[in-house]
PDB file of N, CA and C in Angstrom:
ATOM      1  N   UNK A   1       0.907  28.278-133.210  1.00  0.00           N
ATOM      2  CA  UNK A   1      -0.119  28.519-134.217  1.00  0.00           C
ATOM      3  C   UNK A   1      -0.867  27.222-134.519  1.00  0.00           C
ATOM      4  N   UNK A   2      -0.152  26.127-134.606  1.00  0.00           N
ATOM      5  CA  UNK A   2      -0.808  24.837-134.875  1.00  0.00           C
ATOM      6  C   UNK A   2      -1.740  24.443-133.727  1.00  0.00           C
ATOM      7  N   UNK A   3      -1.313  24.682-132.493  1.00  0.00           N
ATOM      8  CA  UNK A   3      -2.172  24.369-131.344  1.00  0.00           C
ATOM      9  C   UNK A   3      -3.436  25.223-131.361  1.00  0.00           C
ATOM     10  N   UNK A   4      -3.274  26.506-131.658  1.00  0.00           N
ATOM     11  CA  UNK A   4      -4.438  27.393-131.718  1.00  0.00           C
ATOM     12  C   UNK A   4      -5.364  26.982-132.860  1.00  0.00           C
ATOM     13  N   UNK A   5      -4.791  26.571-133.988  1.00  0.00           N
ATOM     14  CA  UNK A   5      -5.621  26.102-135.108  1.00  0.00           C
ATOM     15  C   UNK A   5      -6.447  24.897-134.679  1.00  0.00           C
ATOM     16  N   UNK A   6      -5.855  24.003-133.908  1.00  0.00           N
ATOM     17  CA  UNK A   6      -6.595  22.837-133.411  1.00  0.00           C
ATOM     18  C   UNK A   6      -7.701  23.246-132.447  1.00  0.00           C
ATOM     19  N   UNK A   7      -7.431  24.244-131.603  1.00  0.00           N
ATOM     20  CA  UNK A   7      -8.459  24.742-130.684  1.00  0.00           C
ATOM     21  C   UNK A   7      -9.614  25.339-131.477  1.00  0.00           C
ATOM     22  N   UNK A   8      -9.305  26.144-132.483  1.00  0.00           N
ATOM     23  CA  UNK A   8     -10.345  26.771-133.290  1.00  0.00           C
ATOM     24  C   UNK A   8     -11.153  25.719-134.054  1.00  0.00           C
ATOM     25  N   UNK A   9     -10.484  24.686-134.545  1.00  0.00           N
ATOM     26  CA  UNK A   9     -11.195  23.596-135.224  1.00  0.00           C
ATOM     27  C   UNK A   9     -12.141  22.888-134.259  1.00  0.00           C
ATOM     28  N   UNK A  10     -11.693  22.702-133.010  1.00  0.00           N
ATOM     29  CA  UNK A  10     -12.547  22.039-132.018  1.00  0.00           C
ATOM     30  C   UNK A  10     -13.770  22.890-131.677  1.00  0.00           C
ATOM     31  N   UNK A  11     -13.686  24.209-131.901  1.00  0.00           N
ATOM     32  CA  UNK A  11     -14.829  25.096-131.698  1.00  0.00           C
ATOM     33  C   UNK A  11     -15.770  25.091-132.897  1.00  0.00           C
ATOM     34  N   UNK A  12     -15.409  24.350-133.945  1.00  0.00           N
ATOM     35  CA  UNK A  12     -16.287  24.219-135.105  1.00  0.00           C
ATOM     36  C   UNK A  12     -15.948  25.153-136.246  1.00  0.00           C
ATOM     37  N   UNK A  13     -14.819  25.836-136.172  1.00  0.00           N
ATOM     38  CA  UNK A  13     -14.429  26.744-137.251  1.00  0.00           C
ATOM     39  C   UNK A  13     -13.782  25.923-138.349  1.00  0.00           C
ATOM     40  N   UNK A  14     -14.226  26.164-139.589  1.00  0.00           N
ATOM     41  CA  UNK A  14     -13.687  25.405-140.710  1.00  0.00           C
ATOM     42  C   UNK A  14     -13.362  26.344-141.863  1.00  0.00           C
ATOM     43  N   UNK A  15     -12.810  25.796-142.905  1.00  0.00           N
ATOM     44  CA  UNK A  15     -12.398  26.567-144.070  1.00  0.00           C
ATOM     45  C   UNK A  15     -13.590  27.341-144.638  1.00  0.00           C
ATOM     46  N   UNK A  16     -13.361  28.617-144.911  1.00  0.00           N
ATOM     47  CA  UNK A  16     -14.396  29.464-145.490  1.00  0.00           C
ATOM     48  C   UNK A  16     -15.245  30.216-144.481  1.00  0.00           C
ATOM     49  N   UNK A  17     -15.195  29.821-143.201  1.00  0.00           N
ATOM     50  CA  UNK A  17     -15.943  30.545-142.173  1.00  0.00           C
ATOM     51  C   UNK A  17     -15.357  31.941-141.999  1.00  0.00           C
ATOM     52  N   UNK A  18     -16.219  32.904-141.722  1.00  0.00           N
ATOM     53  CA  UNK A  18     -15.774  34.270-141.412  1.00  0.00           C
ATOM     54  C   UNK A  18     -15.784  34.414-139.902  1.00  0.00           C
ATOM     55  N   UNK A  19     -14.641  34.750-139.344  1.00  0.00           N
ATOM     56  CA  UNK A  19     -14.486  34.829-137.890  1.00  0.00           C
ATOM     57  C   UNK A  19     -14.016  36.218-137.526  1.00  0.00           C
ATOM     58  N   UNK A  20     -14.742  36.876-136.608  1.00  0.00           N
ATOM     59  CA  UNK A  20     -14.312  38.204-136.170  1.00  0.00           C
ATOM     60  C   UNK A  20     -13.376  38.068-134.987  1.00  0.00           C
ATOM     61  N   UNK A  21     -12.391  38.940-134.947  1.00  0.00           N
ATOM     62  CA  UNK A  21     -11.415  38.954-133.864  1.00  0.00           C
ATOM     63  C   UNK A  21     -11.476  40.327-133.219  1.00  0.00           C
ATOM     64  N   UNK A  22     -11.780  40.385-131.929  1.00  0.00           N
ATOM     65  CA  UNK A  22     -11.789  41.651-131.219  1.00  0.00           C
ATOM     66  C   UNK A  22     -10.754  41.657-130.104  1.00  0.00           C
ATOM     67  N   UNK A  23      -9.709  40.864-130.280  1.00  0.00           N
ATOM     68  CA  UNK A  23      -8.602  40.832-129.338  1.00  0.00           C
ATOM     69  C   UNK A  23      -7.691  42.011-129.675  1.00  0.00           C
ATOM     70  N   UNK A  24      -7.234  42.773-128.676  1.00  0.00           N
ATOM     71  CA  UNK A  24      -6.325  43.884-128.993  1.00  0.00           C
ATOM     72  C   UNK A  24      -5.029  43.371-129.627  1.00  0.00           C
ATOM     73  N   UNK A  25      -4.362  44.230-130.373  1.00  0.00           N
ATOM     74  CA  UNK A  25      -3.114  43.833-131.024  1.00  0.00           C
ATOM     75  C   UNK A  25      -2.094  43.414-129.969  1.00  0.00           C
ATOM     76  N   UNK A  26      -1.743  42.170-130.000  1.00  0.00           N
ATOM     77  CA  UNK A  26      -0.833  41.567-129.031  1.00  0.00           C
ATOM     78  C   UNK A  26      -0.313  40.279-129.657  1.00  0.00           C
ATOM     79  N   UNK A  27       0.610  39.612-128.999  1.00  0.00           N
ATOM     80  CA  UNK A  27       1.070  38.323-129.539  1.00  0.00           C
ATOM     81  C   UNK A  27      -0.063  37.313-129.702  1.00  0.00           C
ATOM     82  N   UNK A  28      -1.059  37.345-128.801  1.00  0.00           N
ATOM     83  CA  UNK A  28      -2.187  36.426-128.918  1.00  0.00           C
ATOM     84  C   UNK A  28      -2.986  36.702-130.184  1.00  0.00           C
ATOM     85  N   UNK A  29      -3.146  37.971-130.536  1.00  0.00           N
ATOM     86  CA  UNK A  29      -3.859  38.332-131.757  1.00  0.00           C
ATOM     87  C   UNK A  29      -3.167  37.726-132.970  1.00  0.00           C
ATOM     88  N   UNK A  30      -1.849  37.834-133.010  1.00  0.00           N
ATOM     89  CA  UNK A  30      -1.091  37.326-134.151  1.00  0.00           C
ATOM     90  C   UNK A  30      -1.247  35.813-134.254  1.00  0.00           C
ATOM     91  N   UNK A  31      -1.201  35.120-133.116  1.00  0.00           N
ATOM     92  CA  UNK A  31      -1.337  33.663-133.118  1.00  0.00           C
ATOM     93  C   UNK A  31      -2.724  33.260-133.622  1.00  0.00           C
ATOM     94  N   UNK A  32      -3.777  33.927-133.127  1.00  0.00           N
ATOM     95  CA  UNK A  32      -5.142  33.597-133.565  1.00  0.00           C
ATOM     96  C   UNK A  32      -5.302  33.903-135.049  1.00  0.00           C
ATOM     97  N   UNK A  33      -4.786  35.056-135.482  1.00  0.00           N
ATOM     98  CA  UNK A  33      -4.901  35.452-136.885  1.00  0.00           C
ATOM     99  C   UNK A  33      -4.217  34.428-137.796  1.00  0.00           C
ATOM    100  N   UNK A  34      -2.994  34.032-137.453  1.00  0.00           N
ATOM    101  CA  UNK A  34      -2.271  33.058-138.265  1.00  0.00           C
ATOM    102  C   UNK A  34      -2.937  31.683-138.224  1.00  0.00           C
ATOM    103  N   UNK A  35      -3.518  31.320-137.072  1.00  0.00           N
ATOM    104  CA  UNK A  35      -4.218  30.035-136.974  1.00  0.00           C
ATOM    105  C   UNK A  35      -5.448  30.024-137.876  1.00  0.00           C
ATOM    106  N   UNK A  36      -6.160  31.149-137.939  1.00  0.00           N
ATOM    107  CA  UNK A  36      -7.311  31.226-138.833  1.00  0.00           C
ATOM    108  C   UNK A  36      -6.875  31.095-140.289  1.00  0.00           C
ATOM    109  N   UNK A  37      -5.772  31.731-140.637  1.00  0.00           N
ATOM    110  CA  UNK A  37      -5.258  31.606-141.997  1.00  0.00           C
ATOM    111  C   UNK A  37      -4.854  30.166-142.298  1.00  0.00           C
ATOM    112  N   UNK A  38      -4.271  29.500-141.317  1.00  0.00           N
ATOM    113  CA  UNK A  38      -3.848  28.109-141.504  1.00  0.00           C
ATOM    114  C   UNK A  38      -5.059  27.208-141.771  1.00  0.00           C
ATOM    115  N   UNK A  39      -6.160  27.459-141.071  1.00  0.00           N
ATOM    116  CA  UNK A  39      -7.381  26.682-141.271  1.00  0.00           C
ATOM    117  C   UNK A  39      -8.012  26.998-142.623  1.00  0.00           C
ATOM    118  N   UNK A  40      -7.867  28.231-143.060  1.00  0.00           N
ATOM    119  CA  UNK A  40      -8.516  28.668-144.291  1.00  0.00           C
ATOM    120  C   UNK A  40      -9.743  29.516-144.019  1.00  0.00           C
ATOM    121  N   UNK A  41      -9.894  29.928-142.758  1.00  0.00           N
ATOM    122  CA  UNK A  41     -11.021  30.784-142.390  1.00  0.00           C
ATOM    123  C   UNK A  41     -10.664  32.233-142.716  1.00  0.00           C
ATOM    124  N   UNK A  42     -11.680  33.056-142.831  1.00  0.00           N
ATOM    125  CA  UNK A  42     -11.491  34.463-143.151  1.00  0.00           C
ATOM    126  C   UNK A  42     -11.552  35.249-141.847  1.00  0.00           C
ATOM    127  N   UNK A  43     -10.477  35.968-141.541  1.00  0.00           N
ATOM    128  CA  UNK A  43     -10.395  36.741-140.305  1.00  0.00           C
ATOM    129  C   UNK A  43     -10.904  38.152-140.543  1.00  0.00           C
ATOM    130  N   UNK A  44     -11.821  38.589-139.687  1.00  0.00           N
ATOM    131  CA  UNK A  44     -12.356  39.943-139.740  1.00  0.00           C
ATOM    132  C   UNK A  44     -11.931  40.622-138.448  1.00  0.00           C
ATOM    133  N   UNK A  45     -10.982  41.546-138.534  1.00  0.00           N
ATOM    134  CA  UNK A  45     -10.479  42.238-137.356  1.00  0.00           C
ATOM    135  C   UNK A  45     -11.375  43.432-137.062  1.00  0.00           C
ATOM    136  N   UNK A  46     -11.863  43.504-135.833  1.00  0.00           N
ATOM    137  CA  UNK A  46     -12.728  44.610-135.418  1.00  0.00           C
ATOM    138  C   UNK A  46     -12.113  45.306-134.214  1.00  0.00           C
ATOM    139  N   UNK A  47     -12.300  46.608-134.147  1.00  0.00           N
ATOM    140  CA  UNK A  47     -11.796  47.397-133.042  1.00  0.00           C
ATOM    141  C   UNK A  47     -12.704  47.187-131.831  1.00  0.00           C
ATOM    142  N   UNK A  48     -12.125  46.878-130.692  1.00  0.00           N
ATOM    143  CA  UNK A  48     -12.905  46.604-129.486  1.00  0.00           C
ATOM    144  C   UNK A  48     -13.570  47.857-128.936  1.00  0.00           C
ATOM    145  N   UNK A  49     -13.207  49.036-129.424  1.00  0.00           N
ATOM    146  CA  UNK A  49     -13.801  50.267-128.900  1.00  0.00           C
ATOM    147  C   UNK A  49     -15.120  50.621-129.588  1.00  0.00           C
ATOM    148  N   UNK A  50     -15.563  49.823-130.546  1.00  0.00           N
ATOM    149  CA  UNK A  50     -16.831  50.098-131.225  1.00  0.00           C
ATOM    150  C   UNK A  50     -18.010  49.792-130.308  1.00  0.00           C
ATOM    151  N   UNK A  51     -19.102  50.491-130.514  1.00  0.00           N
ATOM    152  CA  UNK A  51     -20.300  50.229-129.715  1.00  0.00           C
ATOM    153  C   UNK A  51     -20.925  48.902-130.146  1.00  0.00           C
ATOM    154  N   UNK A  52     -21.842  48.400-129.326  1.00  0.00           N
ATOM    155  CA  UNK A  52     -22.502  47.134-129.633  1.00  0.00           C
ATOM    156  C   UNK A  52     -23.266  47.226-130.952  1.00  0.00           C
ATOM    157  N   UNK A  53     -23.914  48.338-131.193  1.00  0.00           N
ATOM    158  CA  UNK A  53     -24.665  48.523-132.434  1.00  0.00           C
ATOM    159  C   UNK A  53     -23.724  48.498-133.645  1.00  0.00           C
ATOM    160  N   UNK A  54     -22.600  49.201-133.547  1.00  0.00           N
ATOM    161  CA  UNK A  54     -21.633  49.221-134.654  1.00  0.00           C
ATOM    162  C   UNK A  54     -21.053  47.836-134.897  1.00  0.00           C
ATOM    163  N   UNK A  55     -20.757  47.101-133.818  1.00  0.00           N
ATOM    164  CA  UNK A  55     -20.227  45.747-133.982  1.00  0.00           C
ATOM    165  C   UNK A  55     -21.246  44.843-134.675  1.00  0.00           C
ATOM    166  N   UNK A  56     -22.502  44.920-134.263  1.00  0.00           N
ATOM    167  CA  UNK A  56     -23.532  44.087-134.889  1.00  0.00           C
ATOM    168  C   UNK A  56     -23.692  44.409-136.362  1.00  0.00           C
ATOM    169  N   UNK A  57     -23.593  45.694-136.740  1.00  0.00           N
ATOM    170  CA  UNK A  57     -23.656  46.066-138.152  1.00  0.00           C
ATOM    171  C   UNK A  57     -22.499  45.452-138.928  1.00  0.00           C
ATOM    172  N   UNK A  58     -21.316  45.497-138.351  1.00  0.00           N
ATOM    173  CA  UNK A  58     -20.140  44.946-139.031  1.00  0.00           C
ATOM    174  C   UNK A  58     -20.220  43.425-139.113  1.00  0.00           C
ATOM    175  N   UNK A  59     -20.750  42.777-138.063  1.00  0.00           N
ATOM    176  CA  UNK A  59     -20.952  41.329-138.118  1.00  0.00           C
ATOM    177  C   UNK A  59     -21.888  40.970-139.262  1.00  0.00           C
ATOM    178  N   UNK A  60     -22.966  41.714-139.391  1.00  0.00           N
ATOM    179  CA  UNK A  60     -23.935  41.445-140.451  1.00  0.00           C
ATOM    180  C   UNK A  60     -23.335  41.721-141.827  1.00  0.00           C
ATOM    181  N   UNK A  61     -22.595  42.824-141.976  1.00  0.00           N
ATOM    182  CA  UNK A  61     -21.985  43.158-143.262  1.00  0.00           C
ATOM    183  C   UNK A  61     -20.978  42.100-143.710  1.00  0.00           C
ATOM    184  N   UNK A  62     -20.207  41.587-142.755  1.00  0.00           N
ATOM    185  CA  UNK A  62     -19.172  40.610-143.084  1.00  0.00           C
ATOM    186  C   UNK A  62     -19.713  39.182-143.086  1.00  0.00           C
ATOM    187  N   UNK A  63     -20.976  39.003-142.730  1.00  0.00           N
ATOM    188  CA  UNK A  63     -21.600  37.686-142.629  1.00  0.00           C
ATOM    189  C   UNK A  63     -20.786  36.761-141.730  1.00  0.00           C
ATOM    190  N   UNK A  64     -20.440  37.278-140.559  1.00  0.00           N
ATOM    191  CA  UNK A  64     -19.613  36.547-139.593  1.00  0.00           C
ATOM    192  C   UNK A  64     -20.416  35.397-139.009  1.00  0.00           C
ATOM    193  N   UNK A  65     -19.792  34.220-138.953  1.00  0.00           N
ATOM    194  CA  UNK A  65     -20.438  33.050-138.366  1.00  0.00           C
ATOM    195  C   UNK A  65     -19.937  32.781-136.958  1.00  0.00           C
ATOM    196  N   UNK A  66     -18.690  33.100-136.693  1.00  0.00           N
ATOM    197  CA  UNK A  66     -18.090  32.851-135.382  1.00  0.00           C
ATOM    198  C   UNK A  66     -17.442  34.137-134.884  1.00  0.00           C
ATOM    199  N   UNK A  67     -17.445  34.313-133.569  1.00  0.00           N
ATOM    200  CA  UNK A  67     -16.838  35.497-132.961  1.00  0.00           C
ATOM    201  C   UNK A  67     -15.828  35.054-131.925  1.00  0.00           C
ATOM    202  N   UNK A  68     -14.595  35.516-132.056  1.00  0.00           N
ATOM    203  CA  UNK A  68     -13.548  35.216-131.081  1.00  0.00           C
ATOM    204  C   UNK A  68     -13.313  36.510-130.315  1.00  0.00           C
ATOM    205  N   UNK A  69     -13.871  36.601-129.100  1.00  0.00           N
ATOM    206  CA  UNK A  69     -13.753  37.843-128.354  1.00  0.00           C
ATOM    207  C   UNK A  69     -13.371  37.594-126.905  1.00  0.00           C
ATOM    208  N   UNK A  70     -13.076  36.377-126.574  1.00  0.00           N
ATOM    209  CA  UNK A  70     -12.683  36.094-125.210  1.00  0.00           C
ATOM    210  C   UNK A  70     -11.196  35.789-125.169  1.00  0.00           C
ATOM    211  N   UNK A  71     -10.686  35.740-123.984  1.00  0.00           N
ATOM    212  CA  UNK A  71      -9.256  35.408-123.832  1.00  0.00           C
ATOM    213  C   UNK A  71      -9.066  33.927-124.033  1.00  0.00           C
ATOM    214  N   UNK A  72      -8.197  33.583-124.962  1.00  0.00           N
ATOM    215  CA  UNK A  72      -7.945  32.163-125.253  1.00  0.00           C
ATOM    216  C   UNK A  72      -6.655  31.727-124.614  1.00  0.00           C
TER     217      UNK A  72
END
């Protein structure tokens, strides 16, 4: 979790940022989620099965600044 927190910090994520996570529920999801909490960022979990339009609406509603959707 500490290593992932350092990776997320190097990507420019800081305390108070809203970050969406579209990683399926897996051990990696838990590590990223806990790393975001450790930094103080707000994690917004989104279902990967949503359409692009639905995802963009949710990004706008949550005022997401960063998106974590790739394999880390």
